[in-house]
C-alpha atoms as a PDB file:
ATOM      1  CA  MET A   1      59.761  -2.162 108.188  1.00  0.00           C
ATOM      2  CA  SER A   2      56.877  -1.406 105.694  1.00  0.00           C
ATOM      3  CA  ARG A   3      53.775   0.104 106.799  1.00  0.00           C
ATOM      4  CA  PRO A   4      51.530  -2.671 106.472  1.00  0.00           C
ATOM      5  CA  ILE A   5      53.871  -5.089 108.690  1.00  0.00           C
ATOM      6  CA  THR A   6      54.096  -2.448 111.373  1.00  0.00           C
ATOM      7  CA  ARG A   7      50.388  -2.182 111.302  1.00  0.00           C
ATOM      8  CA  ALA A   8      50.022  -6.205 111.365  1.00  0.00           C
ATOM      9  CA  THR A   9      52.618  -6.337 114.395  1.00  0.00           C
ATOM     10  CA  ALA A  10      50.662  -3.500 116.422  1.00  0.00           C
ATOM     11  CA  LEU A  11      47.401  -5.381 115.824  1.00  0.00           C
ATOM     12  CA  VAL A  12      48.855  -8.885 116.876  1.00  0.00           C
ATOM     13  CA  THR A  13      50.271  -7.152 119.974  1.00  0.00           C
ATOM     14  CA  ALA A  14      47.048  -5.462 120.712  1.00  0.00           C
ATOM     15  CA  PHE A  15      45.105  -8.741 120.109  1.00  0.00           C
ATOM     16  CA  THR A  16      47.791 -10.669 122.250  1.00  0.00           C
ATOM     17  CA  ALA A  17      47.185  -8.169 125.310  1.00  0.00           C
ATOM     18  CA  ALA A  18      43.532  -8.079 125.157  1.00  0.00           C
ATOM     19  CA  LEU A  19      43.636 -12.072 125.202  1.00  0.00           C
ATOM     20  CA  VAL A  20      46.127 -12.111 128.389  1.00  0.00           C
ATOM     21  CA  LEU A  21      43.780  -9.377 130.115  1.00  0.00           C
ATOM     22  CA  ALA A  22      40.321 -11.621 129.074  1.00  0.00           C
ATOM     23  CA  PHE A  23      41.738 -14.862 130.395  1.00  0.00           C
ATOM     24  CA  ALA A  24      43.998 -13.728 133.153  1.00  0.00           C
ATOM     25  CA  ALA A  25      43.213 -14.999 136.745  1.00  0.00           C
ATOM     26  CA  PRO A  26      41.875 -12.043 138.922  1.00  0.00           C
ATOM     27  CA  ALA A  27      44.167 -10.481 141.491  1.00  0.00           C
ATOM     28  CA  SER A  28      43.418 -12.264 144.653  1.00  0.00           C
ATOM     29  CA  ALA A  29      42.082 -10.525 147.516  1.00  0.00           C
ATOM     30  CA  ALA A  30      43.217 -11.362 151.056  1.00  0.00           C
ATOM     31  CA  THR A  31      41.549 -14.131 152.697  1.00  0.00           C
ATOM     32  CA  PHE A  32      40.259 -13.562 156.072  1.00  0.00           C
ATOM     33  CA  LEU A  33      39.466 -16.095 158.683  1.00  0.00           C
ATOM     34  CA  THR A  34      36.821 -16.833 161.201  1.00  0.00           C
ATOM     35  CA  HIS A  35      38.011 -17.330 164.840  1.00  0.00           C
ATOM     36  CA  ALA A  36      36.949 -21.114 164.440  1.00  0.00           C
ATOM     37  CA  GLN A  37      38.659 -21.566 161.102  1.00  0.00           C
ATOM     38  CA  ALA A  38      41.920 -20.017 162.596  1.00  0.00           C
ATOM     39  CA  THR A  39      42.067 -21.858 165.886  1.00  0.00           C
ATOM     40  CA  SER A  40      41.525 -25.265 163.904  1.00  0.00           C
ATOM     41  CA  GLN A  41      44.446 -24.308 161.940  1.00  0.00           C
ATOM     42  CA  LEU A  42      46.582 -23.249 164.801  1.00  0.00           C
ATOM     43  CA  SER A  43      45.664 -26.564 166.778  1.00  0.00           C
ATOM     44  CA  ALA A  44      46.744 -28.698 163.734  1.00  0.00           C
ATOM     45  CA  ALA A  45      50.197 -26.985 163.653  1.00  0.00           C
ATOM     46  CA  GLY A  46      50.585 -27.583 167.338  1.00  0.00           C
ATOM     47  CA  ILE A  47      50.163 -23.855 168.244  1.00  0.00           C
ATOM     48  CA  SER A  48      48.187 -23.129 171.329  1.00  0.00           C
ATOM     49  CA  TRP A  49      46.454 -19.661 172.300  1.00  0.00           C
ATOM     50  CA  THR A  50      45.205 -18.094 175.363  1.00  0.00           C
ATOM     51  CA  SER A  51      43.105 -15.357 176.384  1.00  0.00           C
ATOM     52  CA  SER A  52      43.714 -13.613 179.792  1.00  0.00           C
ATOM     53  CA  GLY A  53      39.781 -12.785 179.712  1.00  0.00           C
ATOM     54  CA  GLY A  54      38.799 -16.336 178.843  1.00  0.00           C
ATOM     55  CA  CYS A  55      37.116 -15.264 175.645  1.00  0.00           C
ATOM     56  CA  SER A  56      37.274 -14.670 172.011  1.00  0.00           C
ATOM     57  CA  ASP A  57      35.140 -11.586 171.582  1.00  0.00           C
ATOM     58  CA  ARG A  58      36.807  -9.285 169.069  1.00  0.00           C
ATOM     59  CA  ASN A  59      35.358  -6.230 170.568  1.00  0.00           C
ATOM     60  CA  VAL A  60      36.440  -6.884 174.283  1.00  0.00           C
ATOM     61  CA  SER A  61      40.274  -5.911 174.715  1.00  0.00           C
ATOM     62  CA  THR A  62      40.853  -8.618 177.373  1.00  0.00           C
ATOM     63  CA  CYS A  63      39.637 -11.379 174.880  1.00  0.00           C
ATOM     64  CA  THR A  64      42.085 -13.093 172.463  1.00  0.00           C
ATOM     65  CA  SER A  65      40.262 -13.232 168.849  1.00  0.00           C
ATOM     66  CA  PHE A  66      41.204 -14.499 165.410  1.00  0.00           C
ATOM     67  CA  ASP A  67      38.274 -13.084 163.868  1.00  0.00           C
ATOM     68  CA  GLN A  68      39.170 -11.490 160.586  1.00  0.00           C
ATOM     69  CA  VAL A  69      42.914 -12.540 160.789  1.00  0.00           C
ATOM     70  CA  ARG A  70      44.441 -12.931 157.302  1.00  0.00           C
ATOM     71  CA  GLN A  71      45.365 -16.603 156.022  1.00  0.00           C
ATOM     72  CA  THR A  72      48.941 -15.347 155.540  1.00  0.00           C
ATOM     73  CA  THR A  73      49.189 -14.151 159.016  1.00  0.00           C
ATOM     74  CA  ILE A  74      48.222 -17.823 160.186  1.00  0.00           C
ATOM     75  CA  ASP A  75      50.438 -19.362 157.707  1.00  0.00           C
ATOM     76  CA  GLY A  76      53.174 -17.155 158.973  1.00  0.00           C
ATOM     77  CA  ILE A  77      52.942 -18.343 162.543  1.00  0.00           C
ATOM     78  CA  LYS A  78      52.713 -21.790 161.382  1.00  0.00           C
ATOM     79  CA  THR A  79      55.801 -21.415 159.333  1.00  0.00           C
ATOM     80  CA  LEU A  80      57.518 -20.062 162.379  1.00  0.00           C
ATOM     81  CA  ARG A  81      56.396 -22.991 164.351  1.00  0.00           C
ATOM     82  CA  SER A  82      57.979 -25.244 161.917  1.00  0.00           C
ATOM     83  CA  ALA A  83      61.017 -23.535 161.227  1.00  0.00           C
ATOM     84  CA  SER A  84      61.927 -23.036 164.775  1.00  0.00           C
ATOM     85  CA  GLY A  85      60.667 -26.315 166.332  1.00  0.00           C
ATOM     86  CA  CYS A  86      59.671 -24.181 169.364  1.00  0.00           C
ATOM     87  CA  GLY A  87      56.372 -24.159 171.131  1.00  0.00           C
ATOM     88  CA  ILE A  88      54.343 -21.427 170.361  1.00  0.00           C
ATOM     89  CA  THR A  89      51.493 -19.822 172.386  1.00  0.00           C
ATOM     90  CA  VAL A  90      49.500 -16.657 170.803  1.00  0.00           C
ATOM     91  CA  THR A  91      48.302 -14.265 173.266  1.00  0.00           C
ATOM     92  CA  GLY A  92      46.974 -11.730 171.179  1.00  0.00           C
ATOM     93  CA  GLY A  93      45.168 -11.463 167.743  1.00  0.00           C
ATOM     94  CA  THR A  94      42.689  -9.243 166.193  1.00  0.00           C
ATOM     95  CA  GLU A  95      40.894  -8.083 169.356  1.00  0.00           C
ATOM     96  CA  THR A  96      40.376  -4.315 170.046  1.00  0.00           C
ATOM     97  CA  GLY A  97      42.893  -2.541 172.263  1.00  0.00           C
ATOM     98  CA  HIS A  98      45.931  -2.749 170.066  1.00  0.00           C
ATOM     99  CA  SER A  99      47.617   0.408 168.254  1.00  0.00           C
ATOM    100  CA  GLY A 100      45.803   1.058 165.049  1.00  0.00           C
ATOM    101  CA  GLY A 101      46.995   1.490 161.582  1.00  0.00           C
ATOM    102  CA  THR A 102      47.056  -0.288 158.101  1.00  0.00           C
ATOM    103  CA  TYR A 103      49.337  -3.338 159.465  1.00  0.00           C
ATOM    104  CA  SER A 104      47.647  -3.523 162.801  1.00  0.00           C
ATOM    105  CA  HIS A 105      46.199  -6.389 164.754  1.00  0.00           C
ATOM    106  CA  TRP A 106      42.687  -5.379 164.036  1.00  0.00           C
ATOM    107  CA  ASN A 107      43.240  -5.529 160.343  1.00  0.00           C
ATOM    108  CA  GLY A 108      44.611  -9.243 160.730  1.00  0.00           C
ATOM    109  CA  TYR A 109      48.309  -8.666 159.992  1.00  0.00           C
ATOM    110  CA  LYS A 110      49.681  -8.995 163.734  1.00  0.00           C
ATOM    111  CA  LEU A 111      49.854 -11.730 166.302  1.00  0.00           C
ATOM    112  CA  ASP A 112      51.483 -11.423 169.835  1.00  0.00           C
ATOM    113  CA  THR A 113      53.183 -14.605 171.324  1.00  0.00           C
ATOM    114  CA  ARG A 114      54.287 -15.548 174.565  1.00  0.00           C
ATOM    115  CA  GLN A 115      58.193 -15.496 174.982  1.00  0.00           C
ATOM    116  CA  SER A 116      60.151 -18.472 175.591  1.00  0.00           C
ATOM    117  CA  THR A 117      63.959 -19.402 175.648  1.00  0.00           C
ATOM    118  CA  CYS A 118      63.466 -21.500 172.462  1.00  0.00           C
ATOM    119  CA  LEU A 119      61.543 -18.650 170.616  1.00  0.00           C
ATOM    120  CA  ASP A 120      63.649 -15.780 171.831  1.00  0.00           C
ATOM    121  CA  SER A 121      66.739 -17.564 170.759  1.00  0.00           C
ATOM    122  CA  TYR A 122      65.429 -18.608 167.410  1.00  0.00           C
ATOM    123  CA  ILE A 123      64.570 -15.090 166.420  1.00  0.00           C
ATOM    124  CA  SER A 124      67.550 -13.364 167.776  1.00  0.00           C
ATOM    125  CA  ASN A 125      69.898 -15.787 166.125  1.00  0.00           C
ATOM    126  CA  ASN A 126      68.046 -16.358 162.572  1.00  0.00           C
ATOM    127  CA  PHE A 127      66.598 -12.798 161.942  1.00  0.00           C
ATOM    128  CA  THR A 128      68.381  -9.628 161.246  1.00  0.00           C
ATOM    129  CA  TYR A 129      68.344  -7.190 164.273  1.00  0.00           C
ATOM    130  CA  VAL A 130      66.841  -3.865 162.987  1.00  0.00           C
ATOM    131  CA  GLY A 131      67.388  -1.992 166.344  1.00  0.00           C
ATOM    132  CA  TYR A 132      65.596  -0.620 169.439  1.00  0.00           C
ATOM    133  CA  ILE A 133      62.333   1.256 168.375  1.00  0.00           C
ATOM    134  CA  SER A 134      61.619   3.490 170.991  1.00  0.00           C
ATOM    135  CA  GLY A 135      58.252   3.024 172.810  1.00  0.00           C
ATOM    136  CA  TRP A 136      58.218  -0.474 171.125  1.00  0.00           C
ATOM    137  CA  GLY A 137      61.116  -2.773 171.711  1.00  0.00           C
ATOM    138  CA  TYR A 138      63.850  -4.592 170.194  1.00  0.00           C
ATOM    139  CA  GLN A 139      63.081  -5.400 166.512  1.00  0.00           C
ATOM    140  CA  TYR A 140      64.237  -8.236 163.977  1.00  0.00           C
ATOM    141  CA  ARG A 141      63.403  -8.668 160.512  1.00  0.00           C
ATOM    142  CA  SER A 142      63.025 -12.133 158.807  1.00  0.00           C
ATOM    143  CA  GLY A 143      64.285 -12.873 155.361  1.00  0.00           C
ATOM    144  CA  ALA A 144      60.676 -12.565 154.234  1.00  0.00           C
ATOM    145  CA  GLY A 145      60.384  -9.159 155.591  1.00  0.00           C
ATOM    146  CA  ASN A 146      58.291  -9.865 158.589  1.00  0.00           C
ATOM    147  CA  LEU A 147      58.904  -8.039 161.684  1.00  0.00           C
ATOM    148  CA  TYR A 148      59.319  -9.445 165.120  1.00  0.00           C
ATOM    149  CA  THR A 149      59.291  -7.029 168.037  1.00  0.00           C
ATOM    150  CA  ASP A 150      60.378  -7.914 171.662  1.00  0.00           C
ATOM    151  CA  GLU A 151      57.996  -5.904 173.689  1.00  0.00           C
ATOM    152  CA  GLY A 152      59.450  -7.002 176.941  1.00  0.00           C
ATOM    153  CA  ASN A 153      56.921  -9.431 178.011  1.00  0.00           C
ATOM    154  CA  HIS A 154      55.592 -11.046 174.449  1.00  0.00           C
ATOM    155  CA  TRP A 155      56.560 -10.747 170.864  1.00  0.00           C
ATOM    156  CA  ASP A 156      54.555  -8.583 168.618  1.00  0.00           C
ATOM    157  CA  ILE A 157      54.797 -10.109 164.963  1.00  0.00           C
ATOM    158  CA  LEU A 158      53.811  -8.253 161.940  1.00  0.00           C
ATOM    159  CA  TYR A 159      53.290 -10.542 158.970  1.00  0.00           C
ATOM    160  CA  TYR A 160      53.276  -8.966 155.579  1.00  0.00           C
ATOM    161  CA  ASN A 161      53.297 -12.231 154.169  1.00  0.00           C
ATOM    162  CA  CYS A 162      53.277 -15.916 155.269  1.00  0.00           C
ATOM    163  CA  GLY A 163      57.257 -16.215 155.479  1.00  0.00           C
ATOM    164  CA  GLY A 164      57.920 -18.737 152.842  1.00  0.00           C
ATOM    165  CA  CYS A 165      55.019 -21.095 153.600  1.00  0.00           C
END
């Protein structure tokens, strides 16, 4: 290729890249919900929630709070409800008192749910058994990559994404 054509091609490529960067949509940040927004969505999806302390204060460990839960987490539990057909009761959200870490309850990635014959059966029959995680419980991975851990008296669910919503 001649030198002028090579330069022209390089300029067109650079110009195209600049246009793409200038007009591309910004990377979307995570959407965090208030407690009221989350409970409204849960209720509309037929998902109930309960609090052992009868409260929703995020800073009290006996409360069940959804303040600062991720939209993808709420979408994930709604997807589980729809796909399984099971009744679901959420027993833990973003309140203090859970284990820490990046993918934690506090950071809006996890929910706890009450166990039921329907939900237990759906998870164990439709997701891949990962194994027993010492100190945690029996773990299953959905096709979307989300983790469901049977902690003995409840399911601890980690939503990396909404699970196909």
